[in-house]
Amino acid sequence: MVINTLYAMQRANGDWFALDDHGKFRVPIFHSIREAMIARSRDTGMECFKPVVLDEAAFVKLTTTDEGKACFWLVGDPSINLSRGRALDHAQLALVMHNGNGRPKDNAVE
């Protein structure tokens, strides 16, 4: 199984960085450390956070954030706006992590 390397922002105490999206928490997910650091340089709320590899253990911890209600943003361009990304739920994030290219597979059959 191929694991695509993705990153989330985590504080030293274990807290994950999340955006408030109309009362829901959305955790930004990045394709590289570089993208995460660009986003961090543009958002002062992220200054205490660092990029962490989103491996299987981190995925489990992250998907239990906010009692499992947190959702995710796959950030397309960290230099524009963190809230401009692709919204993902836990299952979709797992697919992105495991399909090896960082982009969800289009499995729509109509």
Protein backbone atom coordinates (compact mmCIF):
# COMPACT_ATOMS: atom_id res chain seq x y z
CA MET A 1 0.00 0.00 0.00
CA VAL A 2 1.35 3.45 -0.96
CA ILE A 3 1.07 6.16 1.66
CA ASN A 4 1.04 9.68 0.26
CA THR A 5 2.95 12.07 2.50
CA LEU A 6 0.69 14.83 3.72
CA TYR A 7 1.17 17.32 6.56
CA ALA A 8 -0.98 18.96 9.22
CA MET A 9 0.04 21.66 11.69
CA GLN A 10 0.50 20.63 15.31
CA ARG A 11 1.55 22.48 18.45
CA ALA A 12 4.13 21.06 20.88
CA ASN A 13 1.34 20.20 23.34
CA GLY A 14 -0.38 18.02 20.70
CA ASP A 15 -3.12 20.46 19.65
CA TRP A 16 -3.91 20.56 15.93
CA PHE A 17 -4.38 23.80 14.04
CA ALA A 18 -7.95 24.15 12.78
CA LEU A 19 -10.02 26.88 11.15
CA ASP A 20 -13.51 27.77 12.30
CA ASP A 21 -15.82 27.13 9.36
CA HIS A 22 -19.25 28.37 10.50
CA GLY A 23 -18.99 26.48 13.79
CA LYS A 24 -17.22 23.41 12.39
CA PHE A 25 -13.52 22.85 12.74
CA ARG A 26 -11.56 22.29 9.52
CA VAL A 27 -7.96 21.11 9.75
CA PRO A 28 -5.82 22.30 6.83
CA ILE A 29 -3.83 19.51 5.18
CA PHE A 30 -0.80 20.29 3.02
CA HIS A 31 1.05 18.42 0.28
CA SER A 32 4.50 19.47 1.54
CA ILE A 33 6.37 21.04 4.44
CA ARG A 34 7.09 23.98 2.16
CA GLU A 35 3.37 24.63 1.57
CA ALA A 36 2.69 24.33 5.30
CA MET A 37 5.44 26.83 6.09
CA ILE A 38 4.12 29.28 3.46
CA ALA A 39 0.69 29.10 5.10
CA ARG A 40 2.27 29.54 8.53
CA SER A 41 4.11 32.66 7.40
CA ARG A 42 0.82 34.18 6.20
CA ASP A 43 -1.32 33.35 9.25
CA THR A 44 -0.17 34.60 12.67
CA GLY A 45 -2.48 32.09 14.36
CA MET A 46 -0.20 29.31 13.14
CA GLU A 47 3.06 30.68 14.56
CA CYS A 48 3.13 28.15 17.44
CA PHE A 49 2.45 25.22 15.12
CA LYS A 50 4.81 23.16 13.00
CA PRO A 51 4.21 20.78 10.09
CA VAL A 52 3.86 17.14 11.12
CA VAL A 53 3.75 14.15 8.80
CA LEU A 54 0.24 12.82 8.65
CA ASP A 55 1.08 9.15 9.13
CA GLU A 56 -1.32 6.46 10.34
CA ALA A 57 -0.82 7.32 14.04
CA ALA A 58 -1.30 11.05 13.45
CA PHE A 59 -4.34 10.31 11.28
CA VAL A 60 -5.98 8.44 14.16
CA LYS A 61 -5.21 11.27 16.60
CA LEU A 62 -6.36 13.89 14.13
CA THR A 63 -9.61 12.14 13.27
CA THR A 64 -10.56 12.03 16.95
CA THR A 65 -10.05 15.81 17.27
CA ASP A 66 -13.22 17.60 18.37
CA GLU A 67 -14.77 14.23 19.25
CA GLY A 68 -14.36 13.08 15.66
CA LYS A 69 -16.35 16.00 14.26
CA ALA A 70 -13.41 17.86 12.73
CA CYS A 71 -13.24 17.94 8.96
CA PHE A 72 -10.33 18.74 6.71
CA TRP A 73 -9.20 21.15 4.00
CA LEU A 74 -6.79 19.84 1.39
CA VAL A 75 -5.04 23.13 0.72
CA GLY A 76 -4.48 23.76 -2.97
CA ASP A 77 -2.51 27.01 -2.76
CA PRO A 78 -1.28 28.11 0.68
CA SER A 79 -0.32 31.56 -0.59
CA ILE A 80 -3.91 32.55 -1.39
CA ASN A 81 -6.18 31.70 1.53
CA LEU A 82 -6.32 28.67 3.82
CA SER A 83 -10.08 28.53 3.62
CA ARG A 84 -9.81 27.92 -0.12
CA GLY A 85 -9.28 24.23 -0.32
CA ARG A 86 -11.09 21.02 -0.94
CA ALA A 87 -13.30 19.97 1.98
CA LEU A 88 -12.74 16.35 3.00
CA ASP A 89 -14.28 14.10 5.59
CA HIS A 90 -12.34 11.32 7.36
CA ALA A 91 -12.98 8.69 4.67
CA GLN A 92 -12.01 11.05 1.84
CA LEU A 93 -8.80 12.04 3.64
CA ALA A 94 -7.94 8.36 4.09
CA LEU A 95 -8.38 7.86 0.33
CA VAL A 96 -6.12 10.82 -0.46
CA MET A 97 -3.49 9.46 1.92
CA HIS A 98 -3.56 6.01 0.34
CA ASN A 99 -3.93 6.64 -3.38
CA GLY A 100 -0.33 7.79 -3.67
CA ASN A 101 -0.68 11.06 -5.58
CA GLY A 102 -2.32 13.43 -3.13
CA ARG A 103 -5.43 13.89 -5.22
CA PRO A 104 -8.69 12.06 -4.57
CA LYS A 105 -9.49 9.49 -7.21
CA ASP A 106 -12.61 10.18 -9.23
CA ASN A 107 -14.67 7.06 -8.65
CA ALA A 108 -17.94 8.57 -9.85
CA VAL A 109 -19.74 6.25 -12.22
CA GLU A 110 -22.94 7.53 -13.72
